[in-house]
Structures are given as structure tokens and as C-alpha cells.
Amino acid sequence: MSDFNRNIATARSGLRADQVAIDAGLRAYMIRVYNYMTAGVALTGVVAYLTFSAAVTQTGGGLALTAFGHAMFQSPLMWVFVLAPLGLVMLLSFGINRLSASTALTLFFVYAGLLGLSLASIFLVYTGASITRVFFISAATFGAMSLYGYTTKRDLTAVGSFMFMGLIGVIIASLVNIFLHSSALYWAISVIGVIIFVGLTAYDTQSIKEMYDVHDDGTIAGRKAVMGALRLYLDFINLFLMLLRIFGDRR
């Protein structure tokens, strides 16, 4: 009987040790994801601001574009900076299994930098104070929903599927509104977009957490961390842009 009890105790002790190892590994993995994502957002912001600073000059009548600004915002070159990030994100998404972890991380940061170039135009449209205010609103909202996605026991798969369908609808509506120029539709897209990316933040966090496997080697774990960072980065950037359309003060 005493041997039986010792065997149970040993088994439970081993189970607890395994659980501690998984929890520690999961924590390190999620910290890595958030660190990559935060670095990507910071890089985008710095590049966007520096690009804006080089693209405009202060005049008595307000802001005027420099030669660099004309090239960035009013020449065919701007389409390079619009389409290049799209190509990179597709390369990362569909080719991640053929890339080393370091290459994937490098491409992620290149993508974040290129997106910063294309997002420099928001400084031409909105005041710096409102951009800063909306950024902190976005960060607080993102943090709350990501924490919810990480801690909740509820399966958010259905939520994620619904939000993804809504995202497709928002993309189609945005394309239609290019021709309609409807302010009401623009406002509706922005509000619905905020709801969608709030939901996707929670879903993606839970999904990224469930991707973790204690048996992954360094390469696979690195790839998963980069893809997780990319998903959260896109959620944050899009949430920020949708909130900016609602709360941003135009110049």
C-alpha cells in the first residue's frame, strides 16, 4: 500500500514538473511574440515620422511637400511602397515553412519598415496630437483584448471565423467606397472595422498561444513566434488606423 502511494506521489510530482516546464516555455514564447510585435510597431512609427519629416517643410501658409515628399506621395513611386509590403506579407505567410527563423524575422522587420514609409501620409492628414492620443487608445484596447484572449477558457474559434468574414466585407465595402465617396459608408466601415480588429486581437492571441508546443525545436519555435508577431502587429496597426479615422483630428 505504501509503495502504491509513493508511485502516485511520484507520478503527480512528475506531472507538476512537466506542467511547470510547459508554463515556463509558453511564457517565454509569448514574451518573444510580444517583443517582436512591439519592435515592429516601434519601427513602423519611427520610419513613418522620419519619412514625414523629410517629406514636408514648414512655410508661412502651413506645410509644403519637399522634392522627396512629391516623390513619396505624388509620383508612381508611392505604389512601390504600397504594394511592396503586400508582397512581403504574402511571402511570409505562404513561405514561412521554407524560411529560417532569422530570415523570417528579418523579413518581418523589413515589412514593418516599408509599411512605415506608406503610413507616413497619416501625418499629412491628421494632427500629431490626435495621432498620439489615438495610439495610446489603441494600445490600451489592444492590450485588454489580447489579455482576454490569453486568459479566457472560452473557445474563440467561432468568433475568429465571424470576424474574418466581417473583414472580407469591410475590404469589399472599402473598395466600393473608393468610387462612391460616401461619408456615411466611410464612418460605418471605420466603426465595424474597430469591432472586427478588437475581436481578431482576442482570437489571434488565443490561437498563437495554442500554437505553442513544448517539443518544437528552435527553428520551428522561431517561425511560430514571427508569425504570431505578424498577426498581432497587423491587428494593432489596423485597429489604430480604424480608430484614427473615427477620433483623429484632421489638419
C-alpha atoms as a PDB file:
ATOM      1  CA  MET A   1       0.000   0.000   0.000  1.00  0.00           C
ATOM      2  CA  SER A   2       2.804   2.424   0.873  1.00  0.00           C
ATOM      3  CA  ASP A   3       4.535   1.589  -2.432  1.00  0.00           C
ATOM      4  CA  PHE A   4       1.289   2.368  -4.251  1.00  0.00           C
ATOM      5  CA  ASN A   5       1.022   5.750  -2.537  1.00  0.00           C
ATOM      6  CA  ARG A   6       4.637   6.541  -3.359  1.00  0.00           C
ATOM      7  CA  ASN A   7       4.031   5.686  -7.003  1.00  0.00           C
ATOM      8  CA  ILE A   8       1.049   8.064  -7.122  1.00  0.00           C
ATOM      9  CA  ALA A   9       3.071  10.804  -5.445  1.00  0.00           C
ATOM     10  CA  THR A  10       5.946  10.307  -7.862  1.00  0.00           C
ATOM     11  CA  ALA A  11       3.591  10.420 -10.855  1.00  0.00           C
ATOM     12  CA  ARG A  12       1.959  13.588  -9.572  1.00  0.00           C
ATOM     13  CA  SER A  13       5.331  15.166  -8.922  1.00  0.00           C
ATOM     14  CA  GLY A  14       6.435  14.352 -12.464  1.00  0.00           C
ATOM     15  CA  LEU A  15       3.182  15.777 -13.842  1.00  0.00           C
ATOM     16  CA  ARG A  16       3.676  19.013 -11.924  1.00  0.00           C
ATOM     17  CA  ALA A  17       7.250  19.291 -13.180  1.00  0.00           C
ATOM     18  CA  ASP A  18       6.086  18.842 -16.773  1.00  0.00           C
ATOM     19  CA  GLN A  19       3.371  21.447 -16.284  1.00  0.00           C
ATOM     20  CA  VAL A  20       5.865  23.931 -14.846  1.00  0.00           C
ATOM     21  CA  ALA A  21       8.155  23.352 -17.827  1.00  0.00           C
ATOM     22  CA  ILE A  22       5.273  23.930 -20.270  1.00  0.00           C
ATOM     23  CA  ASP A  23       4.156  27.088 -18.453  1.00  0.00           C
ATOM     24  CA  ALA A  24       7.683  28.489 -18.426  1.00  0.00           C
ATOM     25  CA  GLY A  25       8.180  27.653 -22.105  1.00  0.00           C
ATOM     26  CA  LEU A  26       4.810  29.135 -23.058  1.00  0.00           C
ATOM     27  CA  ARG A  27       5.570  32.317 -21.122  1.00  0.00           C
ATOM     28  CA  ALA A  28       8.937  32.710 -22.854  1.00  0.00           C
ATOM     29  CA  TYR A  29       7.324  32.037 -26.254  1.00  0.00           C
ATOM     30  CA  MET A  30       4.573  34.629 -25.737  1.00  0.00           C
ATOM     31  CA  ILE A  31       7.051  37.221 -24.457  1.00  0.00           C
ATOM     32  CA  ARG A  32       9.082  36.622 -27.601  1.00  0.00           C
ATOM     33  CA  VAL A  33       5.985  37.149 -29.764  1.00  0.00           C
ATOM     34  CA  TYR A  34       5.075  40.384 -27.990  1.00  0.00           C
ATOM     35  CA  ASN A  35       8.666  41.656 -28.124  1.00  0.00           C
ATOM     36  CA  TYR A  36       8.829  41.107 -31.897  1.00  0.00           C
ATOM     37  CA  MET A  37       5.417  42.702 -32.376  1.00  0.00           C
ATOM     38  CA  THR A  38       6.293  45.723 -30.232  1.00  0.00           C
ATOM     39  CA  ALA A  39       9.609  46.205 -32.036  1.00  0.00           C
ATOM     40  CA  GLY A  40       7.777  46.056 -35.370  1.00  0.00           C
ATOM     41  CA  VAL A  41       5.229  48.685 -34.305  1.00  0.00           C
ATOM     42  CA  ALA A  42       8.019  50.931 -32.968  1.00  0.00           C
ATOM     43  CA  LEU A  43       9.969  50.585 -36.221  1.00  0.00           C
ATOM     44  CA  THR A  44       6.876  51.457 -38.267  1.00  0.00           C
ATOM     45  CA  GLY A  45       6.214  54.538 -36.155  1.00  0.00           C
ATOM     46  CA  VAL A  46       9.801  55.807 -36.309  1.00  0.00           C
ATOM     47  CA  VAL A  47      10.072  55.278 -40.081  1.00  0.00           C
ATOM     48  CA  ALA A  48       6.690  56.949 -40.662  1.00  0.00           C
ATOM     49  CA  TYR A  49       7.636  60.014 -38.628  1.00  0.00           C
ATOM     50  CA  LEU A  50      11.116  60.361 -40.149  1.00  0.00           C
ATOM     51  CA  THR A  51       9.666  59.985 -43.642  1.00  0.00           C
ATOM     52  CA  PHE A  52       7.084  62.667 -42.925  1.00  0.00           C
ATOM     53  CA  SER A  53       9.767  64.980 -41.524  1.00  0.00           C
ATOM     54  CA  ALA A  54      11.805  64.615 -44.704  1.00  0.00           C
ATOM     55  CA  ALA A  55       8.776  64.906 -46.981  1.00  0.00           C
ATOM     56  CA  VAL A  56       7.400  68.255 -45.754  1.00  0.00           C
ATOM     57  CA  THR A  57       8.704  71.674 -44.897  1.00  0.00           C
ATOM     58  CA  GLN A  58       7.098  74.402 -42.845  1.00  0.00           C
ATOM     59  CA  THR A  59       6.032  77.520 -44.745  1.00  0.00           C
ATOM     60  CA  GLY A  60       4.110  80.619 -43.850  1.00  0.00           C
ATOM     61  CA  GLY A  61       0.968  79.029 -45.247  1.00  0.00           C
ATOM     62  CA  GLY A  62       1.430  75.686 -43.468  1.00  0.00           C
ATOM     63  CA  LEU A  63       3.063  72.505 -44.714  1.00  0.00           C
ATOM     64  CA  ALA A  64       4.535  72.083 -48.184  1.00  0.00           C
ATOM     65  CA  LEU A  65       5.949  68.971 -49.819  1.00  0.00           C
ATOM     66  CA  THR A  66       9.660  68.771 -50.497  1.00  0.00           C
ATOM     67  CA  ALA A  67      11.051  67.095 -53.622  1.00  0.00           C
ATOM     68  CA  PHE A  68      11.278  63.893 -51.611  1.00  0.00           C
ATOM     69  CA  GLY A  69       7.668  64.381 -50.495  1.00  0.00           C
ATOM     70  CA  HIS A  70       6.470  64.751 -54.076  1.00  0.00           C
ATOM     71  CA  ALA A  71       8.285  61.551 -54.992  1.00  0.00           C
ATOM     72  CA  MET A  72       6.788  59.713 -51.998  1.00  0.00           C
ATOM     73  CA  PHE A  73       3.181  60.886 -52.208  1.00  0.00           C
ATOM     74  CA  GLN A  74       2.537  62.234 -55.701  1.00  0.00           C
ATOM     75  CA  SER A  75       4.526  60.056 -58.080  1.00  0.00           C
ATOM     76  CA  PRO A  76       4.213  56.448 -59.275  1.00  0.00           C
ATOM     77  CA  LEU A  77       6.921  55.598 -56.717  1.00  0.00           C
ATOM     78  CA  MET A  78       4.279  55.657 -53.992  1.00  0.00           C
ATOM     79  CA  TRP A  79       2.739  52.488 -55.446  1.00  0.00           C
ATOM     80  CA  VAL A  80       6.010  50.676 -54.825  1.00  0.00           C
ATOM     81  CA  PHE A  81       5.710  51.420 -51.123  1.00  0.00           C
ATOM     82  CA  VAL A  82       2.042  50.482 -51.148  1.00  0.00           C
ATOM     83  CA  LEU A  83       2.463  47.144 -52.945  1.00  0.00           C
ATOM     84  CA  ALA A  84       5.856  46.043 -51.576  1.00  0.00           C
ATOM     85  CA  PRO A  85       4.534  45.414 -48.028  1.00  0.00           C
ATOM     86  CA  LEU A  86       1.690  43.352 -49.507  1.00  0.00           C
ATOM     87  CA  GLY A  87       4.190  41.192 -51.379  1.00  0.00           C
ATOM     88  CA  LEU A  88       6.325  40.713 -48.277  1.00  0.00           C
ATOM     89  CA  VAL A  89       3.418  39.737 -46.042  1.00  0.00           C
ATOM     90  CA  MET A  90       2.328  37.157 -48.622  1.00  0.00           C
ATOM     91  CA  LEU A  91       5.886  35.810 -48.792  1.00  0.00           C
ATOM     92  CA  LEU A  92       5.978  35.467 -45.020  1.00  0.00           C
ATOM     93  CA  SER A  93       2.520  33.920 -44.762  1.00  0.00           C
ATOM     94  CA  PHE A  94       2.871  31.338 -47.522  1.00  0.00           C
ATOM     95  CA  GLY A  95       6.611  30.717 -47.429  1.00  0.00           C
ATOM     96  CA  ILE A  96       7.263  30.640 -43.697  1.00  0.00           C
ATOM     97  CA  ASN A  97       7.976  26.890 -43.655  1.00  0.00           C
ATOM     98  CA  ARG A  98      10.800  27.332 -46.172  1.00  0.00           C
ATOM     99  CA  LEU A  99      12.473  30.183 -44.288  1.00  0.00           C
ATOM    100  CA  SER A 100      14.868  30.070 -41.390  1.00  0.00           C
ATOM    101  CA  ALA A 101      13.712  31.788 -38.213  1.00  0.00           C
ATOM    102  CA  SER A 102      16.284  34.581 -38.635  1.00  0.00           C
ATOM    103  CA  THR A 103      15.294  35.199 -42.276  1.00  0.00           C
ATOM    104  CA  ALA A 104      11.610  35.305 -41.327  1.00  0.00           C
ATOM    105  CA  LEU A 105      12.352  37.806 -38.564  1.00  0.00           C
ATOM    106  CA  THR A 106      14.393  39.967 -40.935  1.00  0.00           C
ATOM    107  CA  LEU A 107      11.567  39.984 -43.488  1.00  0.00           C
ATOM    108  CA  PHE A 108       9.112  40.917 -40.734  1.00  0.00           C
ATOM    109  CA  PHE A 109      11.169  43.963 -39.793  1.00  0.00           C
ATOM    110  CA  VAL A 110      11.655  44.914 -43.469  1.00  0.00           C
ATOM    111  CA  TYR A 111       7.876  44.700 -43.842  1.00  0.00           C
ATOM    112  CA  ALA A 112       7.350  46.895 -40.763  1.00  0.00           C
ATOM    113  CA  GLY A 113       9.798  49.462 -42.136  1.00  0.00           C
ATOM    114  CA  LEU A 114       8.184  49.561 -45.587  1.00  0.00           C
ATOM    115  CA  LEU A 115       4.755  49.923 -44.025  1.00  0.00           C
ATOM    116  CA  GLY A 116       6.141  52.876 -42.079  1.00  0.00           C
ATOM    117  CA  LEU A 117       7.021  54.550 -45.391  1.00  0.00           C
ATOM    118  CA  SER A 118       3.474  54.170 -46.691  1.00  0.00           C
ATOM    119  CA  LEU A 119       1.890  55.230 -43.384  1.00  0.00           C
ATOM    120  CA  ALA A 120       3.856  58.491 -43.294  1.00  0.00           C
ATOM    121  CA  SER A 121       0.918  60.080 -45.124  1.00  0.00           C
ATOM    122  CA  ILE A 122      -1.244  59.956 -41.971  1.00  0.00           C
ATOM    123  CA  PHE A 123       0.837  62.842 -40.605  1.00  0.00           C
ATOM    124  CA  LEU A 124      -0.303  64.899 -43.594  1.00  0.00           C
ATOM    125  CA  VAL A 125      -3.951  64.170 -42.848  1.00  0.00           C
ATOM    126  CA  TYR A 126      -4.144  64.173 -39.030  1.00  0.00           C
ATOM    127  CA  THR A 127      -2.585  66.337 -36.339  1.00  0.00           C
ATOM    128  CA  GLY A 128       0.339  64.923 -34.393  1.00  0.00           C
ATOM    129  CA  ALA A 129      -1.520  65.326 -31.078  1.00  0.00           C
ATOM    130  CA  SER A 130      -4.504  63.278 -32.262  1.00  0.00           C
ATOM    131  CA  ILE A 131      -2.246  60.581 -33.706  1.00  0.00           C
ATOM    132  CA  THR A 132      -0.512  60.264 -30.339  1.00  0.00           C
ATOM    133  CA  ARG A 133      -3.836  60.189 -28.476  1.00  0.00           C
ATOM    134  CA  VAL A 134      -5.320  57.533 -30.735  1.00  0.00           C
ATOM    135  CA  PHE A 135      -2.128  55.471 -30.493  1.00  0.00           C
ATOM    136  CA  PHE A 136      -2.479  55.196 -26.724  1.00  0.00           C
ATOM    137  CA  ILE A 137      -6.196  54.419 -27.026  1.00  0.00           C
ATOM    138  CA  SER A 138      -5.299  51.665 -29.497  1.00  0.00           C
ATOM    139  CA  ALA A 139      -2.541  50.310 -27.253  1.00  0.00           C
ATOM    140  CA  ALA A 140      -4.886  50.131 -24.241  1.00  0.00           C
ATOM    141  CA  THR A 141      -7.655  48.464 -26.264  1.00  0.00           C
ATOM    142  CA  PHE A 142      -5.250  46.018 -27.880  1.00  0.00           C
ATOM    143  CA  GLY A 143      -3.650  45.140 -24.537  1.00  0.00           C
ATOM    144  CA  ALA A 144      -7.005  44.485 -22.866  1.00  0.00           C
ATOM    145  CA  MET A 145      -8.288  42.250 -25.672  1.00  0.00           C
ATOM    146  CA  SER A 146      -5.008  40.385 -26.022  1.00  0.00           C
ATOM    147  CA  LEU A 147      -5.018  39.709 -22.271  1.00  0.00           C
ATOM    148  CA  TYR A 148      -8.576  38.442 -22.568  1.00  0.00           C
ATOM    149  CA  GLY A 149      -7.634  36.150 -25.444  1.00  0.00           C
ATOM    150  CA  TYR A 150      -4.683  34.790 -23.475  1.00  0.00           C
ATOM    151  CA  THR A 151      -6.559  34.103 -20.238  1.00  0.00           C
ATOM    152  CA  THR A 152     -10.073  33.118 -21.325  1.00  0.00           C
ATOM    153  CA  LYS A 153     -11.125  29.470 -21.241  1.00  0.00           C
ATOM    154  CA  ARG A 154     -13.744  30.096 -23.911  1.00  0.00           C
ATOM    155  CA  ASP A 155     -13.022  28.761 -27.382  1.00  0.00           C
ATOM    156  CA  LEU A 156     -12.860  31.810 -29.664  1.00  0.00           C
ATOM    157  CA  THR A 157     -12.737  29.875 -32.943  1.00  0.00           C
ATOM    158  CA  ALA A 158     -16.306  30.838 -33.868  1.00  0.00           C
ATOM    159  CA  VAL A 159     -15.564  34.471 -33.002  1.00  0.00           C
ATOM    160  CA  GLY A 160     -12.481  34.412 -35.215  1.00  0.00           C
ATOM    161  CA  SER A 161     -14.403  32.930 -38.153  1.00  0.00           C
ATOM    162  CA  PHE A 162     -17.157  35.525 -37.818  1.00  0.00           C
ATOM    163  CA  MET A 163     -14.659  38.384 -37.592  1.00  0.00           C
ATOM    164  CA  PHE A 164     -12.774  37.101 -40.637  1.00  0.00           C
ATOM    165  CA  MET A 165     -15.982  37.102 -42.672  1.00  0.00           C
ATOM    166  CA  GLY A 166     -16.635  40.627 -41.441  1.00  0.00           C
ATOM    167  CA  LEU A 167     -13.124  41.624 -42.518  1.00  0.00           C
ATOM    168  CA  ILE A 168     -13.816  40.431 -46.051  1.00  0.00           C
ATOM    169  CA  GLY A 169     -16.994  42.509 -46.036  1.00  0.00           C
ATOM    170  CA  VAL A 170     -15.091  45.588 -44.852  1.00  0.00           C
ATOM    171  CA  ILE A 171     -12.493  45.154 -47.613  1.00  0.00           C
ATOM    172  CA  ILE A 172     -15.206  44.873 -50.275  1.00  0.00           C
ATOM    173  CA  ALA A 173     -17.085  47.877 -48.861  1.00  0.00           C
ATOM    174  CA  SER A 174     -13.860  49.915 -48.790  1.00  0.00           C
ATOM    175  CA  LEU A 175     -13.201  49.138 -52.456  1.00  0.00           C
ATOM    176  CA  VAL A 176     -16.763  50.117 -53.370  1.00  0.00           C
ATOM    177  CA  ASN A 177     -16.465  53.363 -51.409  1.00  0.00           C
ATOM    178  CA  ILE A 178     -13.443  54.387 -53.483  1.00  0.00           C
ATOM    179  CA  PHE A 179     -15.965  55.092 -56.248  1.00  0.00           C
ATOM    180  CA  LEU A 180     -18.939  56.171 -54.099  1.00  0.00           C
ATOM    181  CA  HIS A 181     -17.084  58.583 -51.795  1.00  0.00           C
ATOM    182  CA  SER A 182     -19.834  58.128 -49.202  1.00  0.00           C
ATOM    183  CA  SER A 183     -19.015  59.679 -45.819  1.00  0.00           C
ATOM    184  CA  ALA A 184     -21.714  57.562 -44.141  1.00  0.00           C
ATOM    185  CA  LEU A 185     -20.252  54.341 -45.537  1.00  0.00           C
ATOM    186  CA  TYR A 186     -16.750  55.536 -44.585  1.00  0.00           C
ATOM    187  CA  TRP A 187     -17.914  56.041 -40.996  1.00  0.00           C
ATOM    188  CA  ALA A 188     -19.696  52.659 -40.885  1.00  0.00           C
ATOM    189  CA  ILE A 189     -16.613  50.869 -42.241  1.00  0.00           C
ATOM    190  CA  SER A 190     -14.461  52.514 -39.573  1.00  0.00           C
ATOM    191  CA  VAL A 191     -16.770  51.543 -36.684  1.00  0.00           C
ATOM    192  CA  ILE A 192     -17.246  47.979 -37.923  1.00  0.00           C
ATOM    193  CA  GLY A 193     -13.503  47.756 -38.554  1.00  0.00           C
ATOM    194  CA  VAL A 194     -12.765  48.614 -34.921  1.00  0.00           C
ATOM    195  CA  ILE A 195     -15.117  45.853 -33.750  1.00  0.00           C
ATOM    196  CA  ILE A 196     -13.551  43.352 -36.145  1.00  0.00           C
ATOM    197  CA  PHE A 197      -9.955  44.024 -35.118  1.00  0.00           C
ATOM    198  CA  VAL A 198     -10.856  44.046 -31.429  1.00  0.00           C
ATOM    199  CA  GLY A 199     -12.320  40.567 -31.887  1.00  0.00           C
ATOM    200  CA  LEU A 200      -9.425  39.371 -34.038  1.00  0.00           C
ATOM    201  CA  THR A 201      -6.934  40.532 -31.413  1.00  0.00           C
ATOM    202  CA  ALA A 202      -8.503  38.244 -28.813  1.00  0.00           C
ATOM    203  CA  TYR A 203      -8.867  35.347 -31.259  1.00  0.00           C
ATOM    204  CA  ASP A 204      -5.345  35.621 -32.662  1.00  0.00           C
ATOM    205  CA  THR A 205      -3.831  35.783 -29.177  1.00  0.00           C
ATOM    206  CA  GLN A 206      -5.609  32.581 -28.192  1.00  0.00           C
ATOM    207  CA  SER A 207      -4.642  30.934 -31.490  1.00  0.00           C
ATOM    208  CA  ILE A 208      -0.983  31.949 -31.101  1.00  0.00           C
ATOM    209  CA  LYS A 209      -0.973  30.602 -27.554  1.00  0.00           C
ATOM    210  CA  GLU A 210      -2.377  27.268 -28.756  1.00  0.00           C
ATOM    211  CA  MET A 211       0.315  27.056 -31.468  1.00  0.00           C
ATOM    212  CA  TYR A 212       2.944  26.570 -28.772  1.00  0.00           C
ATOM    213  CA  ASP A 213       4.369  23.062 -28.488  1.00  0.00           C
ATOM    214  CA  VAL A 214       6.950  22.219 -25.848  1.00  0.00           C
ATOM    215  CA  HIS A 215       8.547  19.752 -28.288  1.00  0.00           C
ATOM    216  CA  ASP A 216       9.247  22.349 -31.013  1.00  0.00           C
ATOM    217  CA  ASP A 217      12.899  22.852 -31.904  1.00  0.00           C
ATOM    218  CA  GLY A 218      14.453  26.311 -32.117  1.00  0.00           C
ATOM    219  CA  THR A 219      13.691  26.794 -35.816  1.00  0.00           C
ATOM    220  CA  ILE A 220      10.007  25.875 -35.597  1.00  0.00           C
ATOM    221  CA  ALA A 221       9.510  27.873 -32.406  1.00  0.00           C
ATOM    222  CA  GLY A 222      11.216  30.874 -34.034  1.00  0.00           C
ATOM    223  CA  ARG A 223       8.961  30.674 -37.097  1.00  0.00           C
ATOM    224  CA  LYS A 224       5.866  30.454 -34.920  1.00  0.00           C
ATOM    225  CA  ALA A 225       6.994  33.465 -32.887  1.00  0.00           C
ATOM    226  CA  VAL A 226       7.496  35.544 -36.041  1.00  0.00           C
ATOM    227  CA  MET A 227       4.121  34.558 -37.499  1.00  0.00           C
ATOM    228  CA  GLY A 228       2.436  35.257 -34.178  1.00  0.00           C
ATOM    229  CA  ALA A 229       4.093  38.666 -34.023  1.00  0.00           C
ATOM    230  CA  LEU A 230       2.978  39.406 -37.600  1.00  0.00           C
ATOM    231  CA  ARG A 231      -0.653  38.543 -36.831  1.00  0.00           C
ATOM    232  CA  LEU A 232      -0.750  40.733 -33.718  1.00  0.00           C
ATOM    233  CA  TYR A 233       1.136  43.508 -35.498  1.00  0.00           C
ATOM    234  CA  LEU A 234      -1.471  43.580 -38.282  1.00  0.00           C
ATOM    235  CA  ASP A 235      -4.296  43.570 -35.715  1.00  0.00           C
ATOM    236  CA  PHE A 236      -2.765  46.526 -33.885  1.00  0.00           C
ATOM    237  CA  ILE A 237      -1.946  48.599 -36.978  1.00  0.00           C
ATOM    238  CA  ASN A 238      -5.404  48.123 -38.451  1.00  0.00           C
ATOM    239  CA  LEU A 239      -7.115  48.828 -35.126  1.00  0.00           C
ATOM    240  CA  PHE A 240      -5.067  52.022 -34.837  1.00  0.00           C
ATOM    241  CA  LEU A 241      -5.953  53.148 -38.366  1.00  0.00           C
ATOM    242  CA  MET A 242      -9.676  52.479 -37.858  1.00  0.00           C
ATOM    243  CA  LEU A 243      -9.705  54.383 -34.563  1.00  0.00           C
ATOM    244  CA  LEU A 244      -7.752  57.206 -36.183  1.00  0.00           C
ATOM    245  CA  ARG A 245     -10.447  57.553 -38.836  1.00  0.00           C
ATOM    246  CA  ILE A 246     -13.015  57.981 -36.058  1.00  0.00           C
ATOM    247  CA  PHE A 247     -11.164  60.026 -33.441  1.00  0.00           C
ATOM    248  CA  GLY A 248      -8.345  61.676 -35.399  1.00  0.00           C
ATOM    249  CA  ASP A 249      -8.360  65.468 -35.811  1.00  0.00           C
ATOM    250  CA  ARG A 250      -7.785  66.382 -39.449  1.00  0.00           C
ATOM    251  CA  ARG A 251      -5.430  69.160 -40.398  1.00  0.00           C
END
